[in-house]
Amino acid sequence: PPRRAARRVAPCASAPAGGSTTSTEEAGTRKGKGHGHGMMKKEDGFLGELRSYAMKLHTREQAPKEGQAEAPKEQPKWEPTTECYLQYLVDSKCVYDTLEKAVAEAEEGSALVAFKATGLERGEALARDIAWFTSAEGDGLGLEAPAVSEVGSSYAATLAGMARDNVPAFMCHYYNTYFAHTAGGRMIGKQLSDAILDKKKLEFYKWDGVLKEHMDGVRKEINDMAEKWTQEEKQACLEETGPCFKEAGKVLRLLAGQ
């Protein structure tokens, strides 16, 4: 059957501003709320330190009480398209698959074993969404699936190396990736759904079971893991926050075609 024409709001415009997860998400929401950690509860234990470190990398607009980063002088306007959204989903799947593969293949005795089947996994949900975007059947959009871009493949390679060689740094990316998605990520998904998907909610933004319970379980496991780290390992995790925000920002800018 002939493929449905893809719904387009406008050609991919300039990318959302900011290199961090949060500033890019704010550019997507245009509200200055709900970005990254902004909707997350205060954390206990080592995660309290990690969250505090992350909040300092926010601007005052994003985090009035804790933000210290300089705000970009201009927030470029951008319009989402289904093609750009699909590329973002494809690259996101590559990133989540890498995180989940590292955990799934962790050998007995590895600290990563505790993060198997947490309920936060996103790879399978993304696969279903990509299948819908590319299906010519039913209400599918009939788009051609793009290859993973250099953004996603490069980030995935970095994560795979960290899982082997630097677990504390890997856990910084793990925590920020999954938890930011439950906050600002969901807000972006809602806005994109309203703008270009006739309010369809993607599987990427749905979880089986009780999301808060999944998150609390992961919080506990990360704090328990960090109790066994040296101060140097804790610092390695904290200092990975900036690079983590930078990589996440690159993935988010795929929504704007860059």
C-alpha atoms as a PDB file:
ATOM      1  CA  PRO A   1       0.000   0.000   0.000  1.00  0.00           C
ATOM      2  CA  PRO A   2       1.156   3.582  -0.572  1.00  0.00           C
ATOM      3  CA  ARG A   3       2.879   5.239   2.323  1.00  0.00           C
ATOM      4  CA  ARG A   4       1.091   7.969   4.217  1.00  0.00           C
ATOM      5  CA  ALA A   5       2.563  11.410   3.855  1.00  0.00           C
ATOM      6  CA  ALA A   6       4.468  12.378   6.946  1.00  0.00           C
ATOM      7  CA  ARG A   7       2.907  15.154   8.953  1.00  0.00           C
ATOM      8  CA  ARG A   8       5.183  18.172   8.967  1.00  0.00           C
ATOM      9  CA  VAL A   9       4.897  21.303  11.037  1.00  0.00           C
ATOM     10  CA  ALA A  10       7.885  23.046   9.494  1.00  0.00           C
ATOM     11  CA  PRO A  11      11.341  22.132   8.230  1.00  0.00           C
ATOM     12  CA  CYS A  12      13.877  21.353  10.943  1.00  0.00           C
ATOM     13  CA  ALA A  13      14.914  24.697  12.333  1.00  0.00           C
ATOM     14  CA  SER A  14      17.770  25.824  14.514  1.00  0.00           C
ATOM     15  CA  ALA A  15      18.582  23.618  17.460  1.00  0.00           C
ATOM     16  CA  PRO A  16      17.378  24.268  20.974  1.00  0.00           C
ATOM     17  CA  ALA A  17      19.974  26.207  22.897  1.00  0.00           C
ATOM     18  CA  GLY A  18      22.287  24.862  25.529  1.00  0.00           C
ATOM     19  CA  GLY A  19      24.653  21.946  25.863  1.00  0.00           C
ATOM     20  CA  SER A  20      23.200  20.451  29.019  1.00  0.00           C
ATOM     21  CA  THR A  21      20.285  18.095  29.290  1.00  0.00           C
ATOM     22  CA  THR A  22      18.288  20.639  31.171  1.00  0.00           C
ATOM     23  CA  SER A  23      18.826  23.753  29.112  1.00  0.00           C
ATOM     24  CA  THR A  24      17.964  21.914  25.913  1.00  0.00           C
ATOM     25  CA  GLU A  25      14.854  20.458  27.468  1.00  0.00           C
ATOM     26  CA  GLU A  26      13.809  23.880  28.637  1.00  0.00           C
ATOM     27  CA  ALA A  27      14.167  25.140  25.096  1.00  0.00           C
ATOM     28  CA  GLY A  28      11.816  22.342  24.117  1.00  0.00           C
ATOM     29  CA  THR A  29       9.250  23.131  26.785  1.00  0.00           C
ATOM     30  CA  ARG A  30       9.687  26.929  26.608  1.00  0.00           C
ATOM     31  CA  LYS A  31       8.582  27.106  30.238  1.00  0.00           C
ATOM     32  CA  GLY A  32      11.735  26.941  32.307  1.00  0.00           C
ATOM     33  CA  LYS A  33      10.129  24.228  34.420  1.00  0.00           C
ATOM     34  CA  GLY A  34      10.129  20.473  34.344  1.00  0.00           C
ATOM     35  CA  HIS A  35      13.620  20.287  32.884  1.00  0.00           C
ATOM     36  CA  GLY A  36      16.021  17.534  33.842  1.00  0.00           C
ATOM     37  CA  HIS A  37      16.116  17.285  37.616  1.00  0.00           C
ATOM     38  CA  GLY A  38      13.773  20.175  38.221  1.00  0.00           C
ATOM     39  CA  MET A  39      10.775  17.985  38.989  1.00  0.00           C
ATOM     40  CA  MET A  40      12.737  15.365  40.899  1.00  0.00           C
ATOM     41  CA  LYS A  41      12.435  15.088  44.635  1.00  0.00           C
ATOM     42  CA  LYS A  42      15.374  15.935  46.840  1.00  0.00           C
ATOM     43  CA  GLU A  43      17.755  13.004  46.941  1.00  0.00           C
ATOM     44  CA  ASP A  44      19.295  11.272  49.946  1.00  0.00           C
ATOM     45  CA  GLY A  45      22.772   9.783  50.355  1.00  0.00           C
ATOM     46  CA  PHE A  46      25.269  10.081  47.534  1.00  0.00           C
ATOM     47  CA  LEU A  47      22.491  10.938  45.088  1.00  0.00           C
ATOM     48  CA  GLY A  48      21.955  14.093  47.124  1.00  0.00           C
ATOM     49  CA  GLU A  49      25.516  15.085  46.286  1.00  0.00           C
ATOM     50  CA  LEU A  50      25.048  14.157  42.630  1.00  0.00           C
ATOM     51  CA  ARG A  51      21.811  16.118  42.315  1.00  0.00           C
ATOM     52  CA  SER A  52      23.355  19.156  44.019  1.00  0.00           C
ATOM     53  CA  TYR A  53      26.328  19.002  41.645  1.00  0.00           C
ATOM     54  CA  ALA A  54      23.956  18.796  38.683  1.00  0.00           C
ATOM     55  CA  MET A  55      21.756  21.670  39.807  1.00  0.00           C
ATOM     56  CA  LYS A  56      24.750  24.002  39.903  1.00  0.00           C
ATOM     57  CA  LEU A  57      25.116  23.441  36.163  1.00  0.00           C
ATOM     58  CA  HIS A  58      21.616  24.842  35.602  1.00  0.00           C
ATOM     59  CA  THR A  59      20.915  28.501  34.955  1.00  0.00           C
ATOM     60  CA  ARG A  60      19.092  30.697  37.461  1.00  0.00           C
ATOM     61  CA  GLU A  61      16.038  30.596  35.216  1.00  0.00           C
ATOM     62  CA  GLN A  62      15.988  26.798  35.276  1.00  0.00           C
ATOM     63  CA  ALA A  63      16.811  26.432  38.976  1.00  0.00           C
ATOM     64  CA  PRO A  64      16.300  29.759  40.807  1.00  0.00           C
ATOM     65  CA  LYS A  65      17.669  28.528  44.130  1.00  0.00           C
ATOM     66  CA  GLU A  66      20.574  26.391  42.954  1.00  0.00           C
ATOM     67  CA  GLY A  67      21.492  27.271  39.367  1.00  0.00           C
ATOM     68  CA  GLN A  68      24.876  28.862  38.759  1.00  0.00           C
ATOM     69  CA  ALA A  69      25.476  28.450  35.019  1.00  0.00           C
ATOM     70  CA  GLU A  70      25.315  31.442  32.712  1.00  0.00           C
ATOM     71  CA  ALA A  71      22.142  31.519  30.621  1.00  0.00           C
ATOM     72  CA  PRO A  72      22.527  31.552  26.826  1.00  0.00           C
ATOM     73  CA  LYS A  73      21.985  35.023  25.401  1.00  0.00           C
ATOM     74  CA  GLU A  74      19.485  33.815  22.840  1.00  0.00           C
ATOM     75  CA  GLN A  75      17.012  30.932  22.676  1.00  0.00           C
ATOM     76  CA  PRO A  76      16.663  30.056  18.976  1.00  0.00           C
ATOM     77  CA  LYS A  77      13.174  29.164  17.834  1.00  0.00           C
ATOM     78  CA  TRP A  78      12.612  25.738  16.338  1.00  0.00           C
ATOM     79  CA  GLU A  79       9.715  23.738  14.994  1.00  0.00           C
ATOM     80  CA  PRO A  80       9.534  19.947  15.408  1.00  0.00           C
ATOM     81  CA  THR A  81       8.864  17.531  12.570  1.00  0.00           C
ATOM     82  CA  THR A  82       8.052  13.847  12.562  1.00  0.00           C
ATOM     83  CA  GLU A  83      11.315  13.151  10.703  1.00  0.00           C
ATOM     84  CA  CYS A  84      13.409  14.897  13.337  1.00  0.00           C
ATOM     85  CA  TYR A  85      11.463  13.191  16.102  1.00  0.00           C
ATOM     86  CA  LEU A  86      12.100   9.789  14.539  1.00  0.00           C
ATOM     87  CA  GLN A  87      15.841  10.475  14.335  1.00  0.00           C
ATOM     88  CA  TYR A  88      15.806  11.442  18.008  1.00  0.00           C
ATOM     89  CA  LEU A  89      14.021   8.213  18.911  1.00  0.00           C
ATOM     90  CA  VAL A  90      16.446   6.102  16.857  1.00  0.00           C
ATOM     91  CA  ASP A  91      19.490   7.654  18.512  1.00  0.00           C
ATOM     92  CA  SER A  92      17.860   7.487  21.933  1.00  0.00           C
ATOM     93  CA  LYS A  93      17.263   3.776  21.431  1.00  0.00           C
ATOM     94  CA  CYS A  94      20.941   3.300  20.621  1.00  0.00           C
ATOM     95  CA  VAL A  95      21.873   5.022  23.897  1.00  0.00           C
ATOM     96  CA  TYR A  96      19.355   3.118  26.029  1.00  0.00           C
ATOM     97  CA  ASP A  97      20.226  -0.185  24.364  1.00  0.00           C
ATOM     98  CA  THR A  98      23.861   0.399  25.284  1.00  0.00           C
ATOM     99  CA  LEU A  99      23.023   1.191  28.905  1.00  0.00           C
ATOM    100  CA  GLU A 100      20.775  -1.849  29.127  1.00  0.00           C
ATOM    101  CA  LYS A 101      23.190  -4.178  27.358  1.00  0.00           C
ATOM    102  CA  ALA A 102      25.981  -3.206  29.761  1.00  0.00           C
ATOM    103  CA  VAL A 103      23.725  -4.109  32.681  1.00  0.00           C
ATOM    104  CA  ALA A 104      22.311  -7.266  31.097  1.00  0.00           C
ATOM    105  CA  GLU A 105      25.785  -8.613  30.301  1.00  0.00           C
ATOM    106  CA  ALA A 106      27.258  -7.751  33.706  1.00  0.00           C
ATOM    107  CA  GLU A 107      28.842 -10.815  35.242  1.00  0.00           C
ATOM    108  CA  GLU A 108      27.985 -12.107  38.686  1.00  0.00           C
ATOM    109  CA  GLY A 109      29.831 -10.014  41.223  1.00  0.00           C
ATOM    110  CA  SER A 110      29.670  -6.858  39.122  1.00  0.00           C
ATOM    111  CA  ALA A 111      28.024  -3.854  40.792  1.00  0.00           C
ATOM    112  CA  LEU A 112      25.890  -3.424  37.669  1.00  0.00           C
ATOM    113  CA  VAL A 113      23.995  -6.671  38.310  1.00  0.00           C
ATOM    114  CA  ALA A 114      21.753  -4.797  40.768  1.00  0.00           C
ATOM    115  CA  PHE A 115      20.317  -2.764  37.883  1.00  0.00           C
ATOM    116  CA  LYS A 116      18.881  -5.640  35.870  1.00  0.00           C
ATOM    117  CA  ALA A 117      15.126  -5.389  35.262  1.00  0.00           C
ATOM    118  CA  THR A 118      14.563  -2.191  37.230  1.00  0.00           C
ATOM    119  CA  GLY A 119      11.386  -1.292  35.366  1.00  0.00           C
ATOM    120  CA  LEU A 120      12.965   1.881  33.967  1.00  0.00           C
ATOM    121  CA  GLU A 121      14.288   0.215  30.792  1.00  0.00           C
ATOM    122  CA  ARG A 122      13.342   2.064  27.596  1.00  0.00           C
ATOM    123  CA  GLY A 123      14.833   0.068  24.726  1.00  0.00           C
ATOM    124  CA  GLU A 124      11.801  -2.122  23.992  1.00  0.00           C
ATOM    125  CA  ALA A 125       9.390   0.793  24.291  1.00  0.00           C
ATOM    126  CA  LEU A 126      11.463   2.777  21.811  1.00  0.00           C
ATOM    127  CA  ALA A 127      11.485  -0.172  19.413  1.00  0.00           C
ATOM    128  CA  ARG A 128       7.674  -0.167  19.425  1.00  0.00           C
ATOM    129  CA  ASP A 129       7.548   3.577  18.794  1.00  0.00           C
ATOM    130  CA  ILE A 130      10.020   3.381  15.907  1.00  0.00           C
ATOM    131  CA  ALA A 131       7.970   0.548  14.411  1.00  0.00           C
ATOM    132  CA  TRP A 132       4.872   2.777  14.541  1.00  0.00           C
ATOM    133  CA  PHE A 133       6.675   5.722  12.920  1.00  0.00           C
ATOM    134  CA  THR A 134       7.879   3.500  10.078  1.00  0.00           C
ATOM    135  CA  SER A 135       4.767   1.372   9.558  1.00  0.00           C
ATOM    136  CA  ALA A 136       2.577   2.011   6.529  1.00  0.00           C
ATOM    137  CA  GLU A 137      -0.226   0.020   8.115  1.00  0.00           C
ATOM    138  CA  GLY A 138      -3.075   1.357  10.225  1.00  0.00           C
ATOM    139  CA  ASP A 139      -2.317   4.770  11.688  1.00  0.00           C
ATOM    140  CA  GLY A 140       1.449   4.388  11.263  1.00  0.00           C
ATOM    141  CA  LEU A 141       3.299   7.318   9.717  1.00  0.00           C
ATOM    142  CA  GLY A 142       5.092   5.311   7.031  1.00  0.00           C
ATOM    143  CA  LEU A 143       8.410   7.102   7.443  1.00  0.00           C
ATOM    144  CA  GLU A 144      11.709   5.558   6.402  1.00  0.00           C
ATOM    145  CA  ALA A 145      13.774   4.601   9.431  1.00  0.00           C
ATOM    146  CA  PRO A 146      17.061   6.523   9.502  1.00  0.00           C
ATOM    147  CA  ALA A 147      20.347   5.016  10.584  1.00  0.00           C
ATOM    148  CA  VAL A 148      21.700   5.941  13.989  1.00  0.00           C
ATOM    149  CA  SER A 149      23.537   9.224  13.611  1.00  0.00           C
ATOM    150  CA  GLU A 150      27.073   9.958  14.727  1.00  0.00           C
ATOM    151  CA  VAL A 151      25.597  11.617  17.817  1.00  0.00           C
ATOM    152  CA  GLY A 152      24.014   8.425  19.105  1.00  0.00           C
ATOM    153  CA  SER A 153      26.701   6.000  17.959  1.00  0.00           C
ATOM    154  CA  SER A 154      29.529   8.071  19.443  1.00  0.00           C
ATOM    155  CA  TYR A 155      27.749   8.475  22.770  1.00  0.00           C
ATOM    156  CA  ALA A 156      26.935   4.761  22.870  1.00  0.00           C
ATOM    157  CA  ALA A 157      30.589   3.871  22.297  1.00  0.00           C
ATOM    158  CA  THR A 158      31.595   6.174  25.146  1.00  0.00           C
ATOM    159  CA  LEU A 159      29.059   4.548  27.472  1.00  0.00           C
ATOM    160  CA  ALA A 160      30.178   1.037  26.566  1.00  0.00           C
ATOM    161  CA  GLY A 161      33.770   1.953  27.387  1.00  0.00           C
ATOM    162  CA  MET A 162      32.763   3.450  30.729  1.00  0.00           C
ATOM    163  CA  ALA A 163      30.789   0.356  31.677  1.00  0.00           C
ATOM    164  CA  ARG A 164      33.982  -1.656  31.208  1.00  0.00           C
ATOM    165  CA  ASP A 165      36.520   0.739  32.671  1.00  0.00           C
ATOM    166  CA  ASN A 166      34.870   3.354  34.879  1.00  0.00           C
ATOM    167  CA  VAL A 167      31.640   2.263  36.560  1.00  0.00           C
ATOM    168  CA  PRO A 168      31.261   5.419  38.723  1.00  0.00           C
ATOM    169  CA  ALA A 169      31.337   7.610  35.599  1.00  0.00           C
ATOM    170  CA  PHE A 170      28.956   5.201  33.848  1.00  0.00           C
ATOM    171  CA  MET A 171      26.514   5.484  36.752  1.00  0.00           C
ATOM    172  CA  CYS A 172      26.419   9.269  36.389  1.00  0.00           C
ATOM    173  CA  HIS A 173      25.132   8.820  32.837  1.00  0.00           C
ATOM    174  CA  TYR A 174      22.816   6.005  33.915  1.00  0.00           C
ATOM    175  CA  TYR A 175      21.181   8.079  36.650  1.00  0.00           C
ATOM    176  CA  ASN A 176      20.867  11.273  34.631  1.00  0.00           C
ATOM    177  CA  THR A 177      19.593   9.542  31.497  1.00  0.00           C
ATOM    178  CA  TYR A 178      16.813   7.554  33.124  1.00  0.00           C
ATOM    179  CA  PHE A 179      15.752  10.099  35.726  1.00  0.00           C
ATOM    180  CA  ALA A 180      15.788  13.178  33.485  1.00  0.00           C
ATOM    181  CA  HIS A 181      13.531  11.277  31.090  1.00  0.00           C
ATOM    182  CA  THR A 182      10.943  10.762  33.837  1.00  0.00           C
ATOM    183  CA  ALA A 183      10.811  14.534  34.426  1.00  0.00           C
ATOM    184  CA  GLY A 184      11.600  16.998  31.640  1.00  0.00           C
ATOM    185  CA  GLY A 185      11.662  14.209  29.075  1.00  0.00           C
ATOM    186  CA  ARG A 186       7.996  13.482  29.656  1.00  0.00           C
ATOM    187  CA  MET A 187       7.115  17.159  29.334  1.00  0.00           C
ATOM    188  CA  ILE A 188       8.863  17.340  25.982  1.00  0.00           C
ATOM    189  CA  GLY A 189       7.035  14.183  24.881  1.00  0.00           C
ATOM    190  CA  LYS A 190       3.705  15.753  25.798  1.00  0.00           C
ATOM    191  CA  GLN A 191       4.426  18.910  23.850  1.00  0.00           C
ATOM    192  CA  LEU A 192       5.615  16.997  20.790  1.00  0.00           C
ATOM    193  CA  SER A 193       2.584  14.728  20.969  1.00  0.00           C
ATOM    194  CA  ASP A 194       0.269  17.719  21.011  1.00  0.00           C
ATOM    195  CA  ALA A 195       2.157  19.508  18.236  1.00  0.00           C
ATOM    196  CA  ILE A 196       2.772  16.803  15.621  1.00  0.00           C
ATOM    197  CA  LEU A 197       1.258  13.452  16.652  1.00  0.00           C
ATOM    198  CA  ASP A 198      -2.418  14.320  17.172  1.00  0.00           C
ATOM    199  CA  LYS A 199      -1.878  13.854  20.922  1.00  0.00           C
ATOM    200  CA  LYS A 200      -0.714  10.249  20.575  1.00  0.00           C
ATOM    201  CA  LYS A 201       1.329   9.229  23.622  1.00  0.00           C
ATOM    202  CA  LEU A 202       4.379   7.209  22.682  1.00  0.00           C
ATOM    203  CA  GLU A 203       5.479   4.068  24.514  1.00  0.00           C
ATOM    204  CA  PHE A 204       8.714   5.881  25.368  1.00  0.00           C
ATOM    205  CA  TYR A 205       6.725   7.842  27.934  1.00  0.00           C
ATOM    206  CA  LYS A 206       4.882   4.902  29.483  1.00  0.00           C
ATOM    207  CA  TRP A 207       6.105   2.485  32.147  1.00  0.00           C
ATOM    208  CA  ASP A 208       4.736  -0.810  33.384  1.00  0.00           C
ATOM    209  CA  GLY A 209       3.962  -0.874  37.086  1.00  0.00           C
ATOM    210  CA  VAL A 210       4.423   2.113  39.403  1.00  0.00           C
ATOM    211  CA  LEU A 211       7.108   4.464  38.127  1.00  0.00           C
ATOM    212  CA  LYS A 212       7.880   5.946  41.552  1.00  0.00           C
ATOM    213  CA  GLU A 213       8.549   2.472  42.947  1.00  0.00           C
ATOM    214  CA  HIS A 214      10.947   1.720  40.081  1.00  0.00           C
ATOM    215  CA  MET A 215      12.764   5.016  40.673  1.00  0.00           C
ATOM    216  CA  ASP A 216      12.991   4.512  44.423  1.00  0.00           C
ATOM    217  CA  GLY A 217      14.449   1.051  43.896  1.00  0.00           C
ATOM    218  CA  VAL A 218      17.146   2.432  41.610  1.00  0.00           C
ATOM    219  CA  ARG A 219      17.869   5.276  44.020  1.00  0.00           C
ATOM    220  CA  LYS A 220      18.519   2.781  46.793  1.00  0.00           C
ATOM    221  CA  GLU A 221      20.785   0.628  44.640  1.00  0.00           C
ATOM    222  CA  ILE A 222      22.875   3.610  43.514  1.00  0.00           C
ATOM    223  CA  ASN A 223      23.272   4.880  47.070  1.00  0.00           C
ATOM    224  CA  ASP A 224      24.203   1.400  48.287  1.00  0.00           C
ATOM    225  CA  MET A 225      26.760   1.090  45.491  1.00  0.00           C
ATOM    226  CA  ALA A 226      28.272   4.503  46.252  1.00  0.00           C
ATOM    227  CA  GLU A 227      28.782   3.580  49.903  1.00  0.00           C
ATOM    228  CA  LYS A 228      31.449   1.139  48.709  1.00  0.00           C
ATOM    229  CA  TRP A 229      33.228   3.690  46.500  1.00  0.00           C
ATOM    230  CA  THR A 230      36.399   5.520  47.441  1.00  0.00           C
ATOM    231  CA  GLN A 231      36.288   9.309  47.541  1.00  0.00           C
ATOM    232  CA  GLU A 232      38.089   9.322  44.192  1.00  0.00           C
ATOM    233  CA  GLU A 233      35.374   7.147  42.656  1.00  0.00           C
ATOM    234  CA  LYS A 234      32.652   9.380  44.053  1.00  0.00           C
ATOM    235  CA  GLN A 235      34.400  12.403  42.604  1.00  0.00           C
ATOM    236  CA  ALA A 236      34.707  10.677  39.216  1.00  0.00           C
ATOM    237  CA  CYS A 237      30.950  10.175  39.207  1.00  0.00           C
ATOM    238  CA  LEU A 238      30.242  13.780  40.186  1.00  0.00           C
ATOM    239  CA  GLU A 239      32.646  15.240  37.645  1.00  0.00           C
ATOM    240  CA  GLU A 240      31.060  13.246  34.847  1.00  0.00           C
ATOM    241  CA  THR A 241      27.892  15.358  35.190  1.00  0.00           C
ATOM    242  CA  GLY A 242      29.064  18.084  32.807  1.00  0.00           C
ATOM    243  CA  PRO A 243      30.066  15.663  30.021  1.00  0.00           C
ATOM    244  CA  CYS A 244      26.819  13.780  30.621  1.00  0.00           C
ATOM    245  CA  PHE A 245      24.752  16.944  30.116  1.00  0.00           C
ATOM    246  CA  LYS A 246      26.748  17.763  26.994  1.00  0.00           C
ATOM    247  CA  GLU A 247      26.098  14.361  25.406  1.00  0.00           C
ATOM    248  CA  ALA A 248      22.418  14.410  26.347  1.00  0.00           C
ATOM    249  CA  GLY A 249      22.130  17.888  24.862  1.00  0.00           C
ATOM    250  CA  LYS A 250      23.495  16.628  21.543  1.00  0.00           C
ATOM    251  CA  VAL A 251      20.849  13.904  21.444  1.00  0.00           C
ATOM    252  CA  LEU A 252      18.076  16.376  22.255  1.00  0.00           C
ATOM    253  CA  ARG A 253      19.199  18.736  19.506  1.00  0.00           C
ATOM    254  CA  LEU A 254      18.356  16.011  17.027  1.00  0.00           C
ATOM    255  CA  LEU A 255      14.767  17.130  17.601  1.00  0.00           C
ATOM    256  CA  ALA A 256      15.749  20.276  15.764  1.00  0.00           C
ATOM    257  CA  GLY A 257      17.622  18.493  13.023  1.00  0.00           C
ATOM    258  CA  GLN A 258      21.132  19.068  14.309  1.00  0.00           C
END
